[in-house]
Amino acid sequence: MTLLNFLIRHRTPRPVYGVPALAGSVPGRRTVSMLTVRCLMISSLLVALSGCLSLKPAGGDEHYYLLTGDSSLLASARGARPCVVRILPVEVPNYLQTRDMVVRTSSNEMIFATFHQWAEPLDAGVRRVLTEDLRTAPAIREVLTDEPPPANTNVYVISIQILACEGNQTNSQSSVLFKACWEISKSDRAVARGIFNAQPATWRPGDYNDLAIQLSRAVEDLGKLLNKTISSQD
């Protein structure tokens, strides 16, 4: 046996994390590299944390709500002749581009109800309710959304920008905030526009089903205003 082979076979194992090799170590046994030890420790830590932390509420704790319409509210509207209406995609501010229901607690502070969420994006919900309601209006023959309008047909185009759609707890009484800019155009020319503010309404704090109902009524009132405006154009 050469001197080099003897030294390699009987070398002292490399310490791990500064811990000297124990007496009686088996000669020639491979030691665990520092990189392997680090990887094992990090993996163990991540597994332990995954059991303690959760980025989503526990299953079964979430509640989902829909905006709903009442098409019977438009039955009394009468127009001179049927027309075609197209509702463009609804615009919403960035803070409402979330499924969480929003409650304003001051002029510049709000909370997001993680456990109480919209079942669909808010802009899609507003557009759906307006479409369903306007389709029952006697003055309107057809309501289009994404489909192209019929050829040689004058179409009233409705554009809506939501400014507020949330609960309000900035005072002693919980109320509902719903505000929107709207415009109706025909042949690329605006024929009417305005800002809609929902009538004052209250909701029971903590009852998010009631909040969804009150906001639905606000969207219904916006639909009645749009129908009345379109009916007056013919």
Protein backbone atom coordinates (compact mmCIF):
# COMPACT_ATOMS: atom_id res chain seq x y z
CA MET A 1 0.00 0.00 0.00
CA THR A 2 1.40 3.37 -0.98
CA LEU A 3 1.61 6.25 1.42
CA LEU A 4 -0.99 8.21 -0.63
CA ASN A 5 -3.54 5.38 -0.48
CA PHE A 6 -2.97 5.01 3.25
CA LEU A 7 -3.59 8.73 3.88
CA ILE A 8 -6.79 8.74 1.75
CA ARG A 9 -8.21 5.66 3.44
CA HIS A 10 -7.51 6.82 6.97
CA ARG A 11 -8.23 10.53 6.52
CA THR A 12 -10.38 12.30 9.12
CA PRO A 13 -13.95 12.89 7.79
CA ARG A 14 -14.74 16.49 6.91
CA PRO A 15 -16.59 18.28 9.71
CA VAL A 16 -20.17 19.32 8.95
CA TYR A 17 -21.10 22.87 10.02
CA GLY A 18 -18.00 23.18 12.14
CA VAL A 19 -18.66 19.98 14.15
CA PRO A 20 -15.45 17.87 14.35
CA ALA A 21 -15.57 14.26 13.32
CA LEU A 22 -16.45 11.89 16.15
CA ALA A 23 -13.86 9.53 17.48
CA GLY A 24 -14.28 6.05 16.12
CA SER A 25 -15.57 7.14 12.75
CA VAL A 26 -15.46 4.38 10.23
CA PRO A 27 -12.51 4.98 7.93
CA GLY A 28 -13.41 5.64 4.33
CA ARG A 29 -17.14 6.44 4.98
CA ARG A 30 -18.38 9.31 2.83
CA THR A 31 -19.52 12.39 4.64
CA VAL A 32 -22.64 14.41 3.74
CA SER A 33 -21.82 17.57 1.82
CA MET A 34 -22.78 20.95 3.25
CA LEU A 35 -24.99 21.67 0.22
CA THR A 36 -26.97 18.48 0.82
CA VAL A 37 -27.48 19.37 4.48
CA ARG A 38 -28.68 22.84 3.59
CA CYS A 39 -31.16 21.46 1.04
CA LEU A 40 -32.53 18.95 3.57
CA MET A 41 -32.98 21.63 6.23
CA ILE A 42 -34.74 24.02 3.83
CA SER A 43 -37.04 21.25 2.58
CA SER A 44 -37.98 20.30 6.14
CA LEU A 45 -38.69 23.93 6.99
CA LEU A 46 -40.95 24.37 3.94
CA VAL A 47 -42.90 21.22 4.76
CA ALA A 48 -43.42 22.40 8.32
CA LEU A 49 -44.58 25.83 7.22
CA SER A 50 -46.99 24.43 4.62
CA GLY A 51 -48.93 22.77 7.43
CA CYS A 52 -49.24 26.01 9.39
CA LEU A 53 -49.88 28.62 6.71
CA SER A 54 -52.72 28.89 4.23
CA LEU A 55 -53.16 31.53 1.53
CA LYS A 56 -56.89 30.82 1.18
CA PRO A 57 -59.69 30.44 3.71
CA ALA A 58 -60.40 26.97 4.98
CA GLY A 59 -62.76 25.00 2.79
CA GLY A 60 -66.42 25.64 3.50
CA ASP A 61 -65.91 29.10 5.02
CA GLU A 62 -66.36 31.10 1.81
CA HIS A 63 -69.73 32.57 0.76
CA TYR A 64 -70.48 33.58 -2.82
CA TYR A 65 -73.10 36.08 -4.05
CA LEU A 66 -74.65 37.13 -7.35
CA LEU A 67 -76.17 40.36 -8.53
CA THR A 68 -79.76 39.66 -9.53
CA GLY A 69 -82.32 41.55 -11.57
CA ASP A 70 -86.09 41.90 -11.57
CA SER A 71 -87.25 42.15 -15.16
CA SER A 72 -90.82 42.88 -14.08
CA LEU A 73 -89.73 46.35 -13.03
CA LEU A 74 -89.38 47.32 -16.70
CA ALA A 75 -92.77 46.07 -17.85
CA SER A 76 -94.40 49.50 -17.58
CA ALA A 77 -91.94 51.15 -19.98
CA ARG A 78 -93.40 51.79 -23.43
CA GLY A 79 -91.66 53.03 -26.55
CA ALA A 80 -92.82 54.15 -29.99
CA ARG A 81 -91.15 51.24 -31.82
CA PRO A 82 -88.73 48.42 -30.97
CA CYS A 83 -85.01 49.11 -31.23
CA VAL A 84 -81.72 47.23 -30.88
CA VAL A 85 -79.36 47.92 -27.99
CA ARG A 86 -75.76 46.88 -27.46
CA ILE A 87 -74.12 46.96 -24.04
CA LEU A 88 -70.35 47.35 -24.14
CA PRO A 89 -68.11 45.71 -21.50
CA VAL A 90 -68.54 47.52 -18.19
CA GLU A 91 -65.53 49.38 -16.80
CA VAL A 92 -64.72 49.18 -13.09
CA PRO A 93 -61.96 50.88 -11.05
CA ASN A 94 -58.92 48.84 -10.08
CA TYR A 95 -59.96 48.40 -6.47
CA LEU A 96 -63.18 46.67 -7.57
CA GLN A 97 -61.39 44.24 -9.87
CA THR A 98 -61.54 41.58 -7.18
CA ARG A 99 -64.00 38.88 -6.15
CA ASP A 100 -63.91 40.13 -2.53
CA MET A 101 -66.89 42.28 -1.55
CA VAL A 102 -65.76 45.75 -0.55
CA VAL A 103 -66.86 47.87 2.41
CA ARG A 104 -65.68 51.46 2.75
CA THR A 105 -64.82 52.45 6.32
CA SER A 106 -63.65 56.01 5.65
CA SER A 107 -63.12 58.34 2.72
CA ASN A 108 -59.83 56.65 1.84
CA GLU A 109 -59.96 53.33 3.71
CA MET A 110 -61.81 50.12 2.94
CA ILE A 111 -61.85 46.45 3.82
CA PHE A 112 -62.06 43.45 1.52
CA ALA A 113 -64.29 40.65 2.78
CA THR A 114 -62.16 37.60 1.96
CA PHE A 115 -64.82 35.15 3.11
CA HIS A 116 -67.63 36.93 1.20
CA GLN A 117 -67.01 37.05 -2.53
CA TRP A 118 -68.81 37.72 -5.79
CA ALA A 119 -69.47 34.52 -7.72
CA GLU A 120 -68.41 36.30 -10.93
CA PRO A 121 -66.36 39.40 -11.78
CA LEU A 122 -68.29 42.52 -10.81
CA ASP A 123 -68.17 44.02 -14.30
CA ALA A 124 -69.62 40.82 -15.78
CA GLY A 125 -72.36 40.75 -13.15
CA VAL A 126 -73.48 44.34 -13.81
CA ARG A 127 -73.51 43.74 -17.56
CA ARG A 128 -75.47 40.50 -17.18
CA VAL A 129 -78.19 42.05 -14.99
CA LEU A 130 -78.63 45.04 -17.31
CA THR A 131 -78.83 42.74 -20.32
CA GLU A 132 -81.45 40.50 -18.70
CA ASP A 133 -83.58 43.46 -17.59
CA LEU A 134 -83.43 45.41 -20.85
CA ARG A 135 -84.36 42.34 -22.89
CA THR A 136 -87.82 42.45 -21.30
CA ALA A 137 -88.43 46.13 -22.05
CA PRO A 138 -91.22 46.60 -24.64
CA ALA A 139 -89.31 49.40 -26.38
CA ILE A 140 -86.28 47.17 -27.00
CA ARG A 141 -86.38 44.40 -29.58
CA GLU A 142 -82.95 42.91 -28.91
CA VAL A 143 -80.01 43.42 -26.54
CA LEU A 144 -76.55 42.53 -27.82
CA THR A 145 -73.34 42.08 -25.89
CA ASP A 146 -70.39 40.55 -27.74
CA GLU A 147 -72.20 39.46 -30.88
CA PRO A 148 -72.10 41.81 -33.91
CA PRO A 149 -75.21 43.91 -34.63
CA PRO A 150 -77.47 43.03 -37.57
CA ALA A 151 -76.63 44.64 -40.88
CA ASN A 152 -78.30 47.94 -41.76
CA THR A 153 -79.58 48.37 -38.23
CA ASN A 154 -79.28 51.47 -36.11
CA VAL A 155 -78.09 50.33 -32.72
CA TYR A 156 -78.10 52.21 -29.44
CA VAL A 157 -74.74 51.56 -27.83
CA ILE A 158 -74.54 51.77 -24.03
CA SER A 159 -71.24 52.32 -22.26
CA ILE A 160 -70.99 52.22 -18.47
CA GLN A 161 -68.18 53.07 -16.09
CA ILE A 162 -68.71 52.02 -12.48
CA LEU A 163 -67.39 54.56 -9.98
CA ALA A 164 -68.48 52.85 -6.74
CA CYS A 165 -70.17 49.56 -5.88
CA GLU A 166 -69.70 48.72 -2.22
CA GLY A 167 -70.97 48.89 1.31
CA ASN A 168 -70.42 52.08 3.27
CA GLN A 169 -69.69 52.26 6.99
CA THR A 170 -68.21 55.73 7.19
CA ASN A 171 -71.00 56.91 9.45
CA SER A 172 -73.15 55.46 12.20
CA GLN A 173 -75.57 53.93 9.67
CA SER A 174 -74.40 51.33 7.14
CA SER A 175 -75.44 52.33 3.62
CA VAL A 176 -74.85 51.27 0.03
CA LEU A 177 -72.67 53.13 -2.47
CA PHE A 178 -73.39 52.66 -6.16
CA LYS A 179 -72.39 55.29 -8.67
CA ALA A 180 -71.82 55.03 -12.43
CA CYS A 181 -71.16 57.15 -15.50
CA TRP A 182 -73.23 56.15 -18.52
CA GLU A 183 -73.53 57.15 -22.16
CA ILE A 184 -75.88 56.14 -24.96
CA SER A 185 -74.75 56.67 -28.53
CA LYS A 186 -76.21 56.01 -31.95
CA SER A 187 -74.30 56.04 -35.24
CA ASP A 188 -71.15 57.03 -33.33
CA ARG A 189 -72.87 60.08 -31.86
CA ALA A 190 -73.73 60.47 -28.19
CA VAL A 191 -77.44 61.05 -27.71
CA ALA A 192 -77.50 61.04 -23.90
CA ARG A 193 -75.11 60.75 -20.98
CA GLY A 194 -75.12 61.25 -17.25
CA ILE A 195 -73.99 60.14 -13.81
CA PHE A 196 -76.21 57.75 -11.88
CA ASN A 197 -76.30 57.78 -8.09
CA ALA A 198 -78.34 55.04 -6.44
CA GLN A 199 -81.07 56.07 -4.04
CA PRO A 200 -79.97 55.96 -0.38
CA ALA A 201 -80.34 52.45 1.01
CA THR A 202 -79.11 50.69 4.12
CA TRP A 203 -77.82 47.18 4.73
CA ARG A 204 -77.33 45.16 7.88
CA PRO A 205 -73.64 45.25 8.86
CA GLY A 206 -72.06 41.84 8.46
CA ASP A 207 -74.97 40.56 6.33
CA TYR A 208 -73.32 40.37 2.91
CA ASN A 209 -76.34 38.71 1.34
CA ASP A 210 -78.28 41.85 2.21
CA LEU A 211 -75.49 43.97 0.72
CA ALA A 212 -75.69 41.97 -2.53
CA ILE A 213 -79.48 42.48 -2.62
CA GLN A 214 -79.21 46.24 -2.13
CA LEU A 215 -76.52 46.58 -4.80
CA SER A 216 -78.69 44.49 -7.15
CA ARG A 217 -81.53 46.96 -6.68
CA ALA A 218 -79.16 49.79 -7.53
CA VAL A 219 -78.23 48.08 -10.80
CA GLU A 220 -81.93 47.55 -11.53
CA ASP A 221 -82.57 51.28 -11.08
CA LEU A 222 -79.74 52.02 -13.50
CA GLY A 223 -81.40 49.69 -16.01
CA LYS A 224 -84.74 51.51 -15.65
CA LEU A 225 -83.01 54.83 -16.28
CA LEU A 226 -81.30 53.51 -19.42
CA ASN A 227 -84.54 52.03 -20.72
CA LYS A 228 -86.46 55.24 -20.10
CA THR A 229 -83.76 57.26 -21.89
CA ILE A 230 -83.71 54.97 -24.93
CA SER A 231 -87.51 54.89 -25.13
CA SER A 232 -87.63 58.69 -25.24
CA GLN A 233 -85.34 58.79 -28.28
CA ASP A 234 -87.90 57.25 -30.68
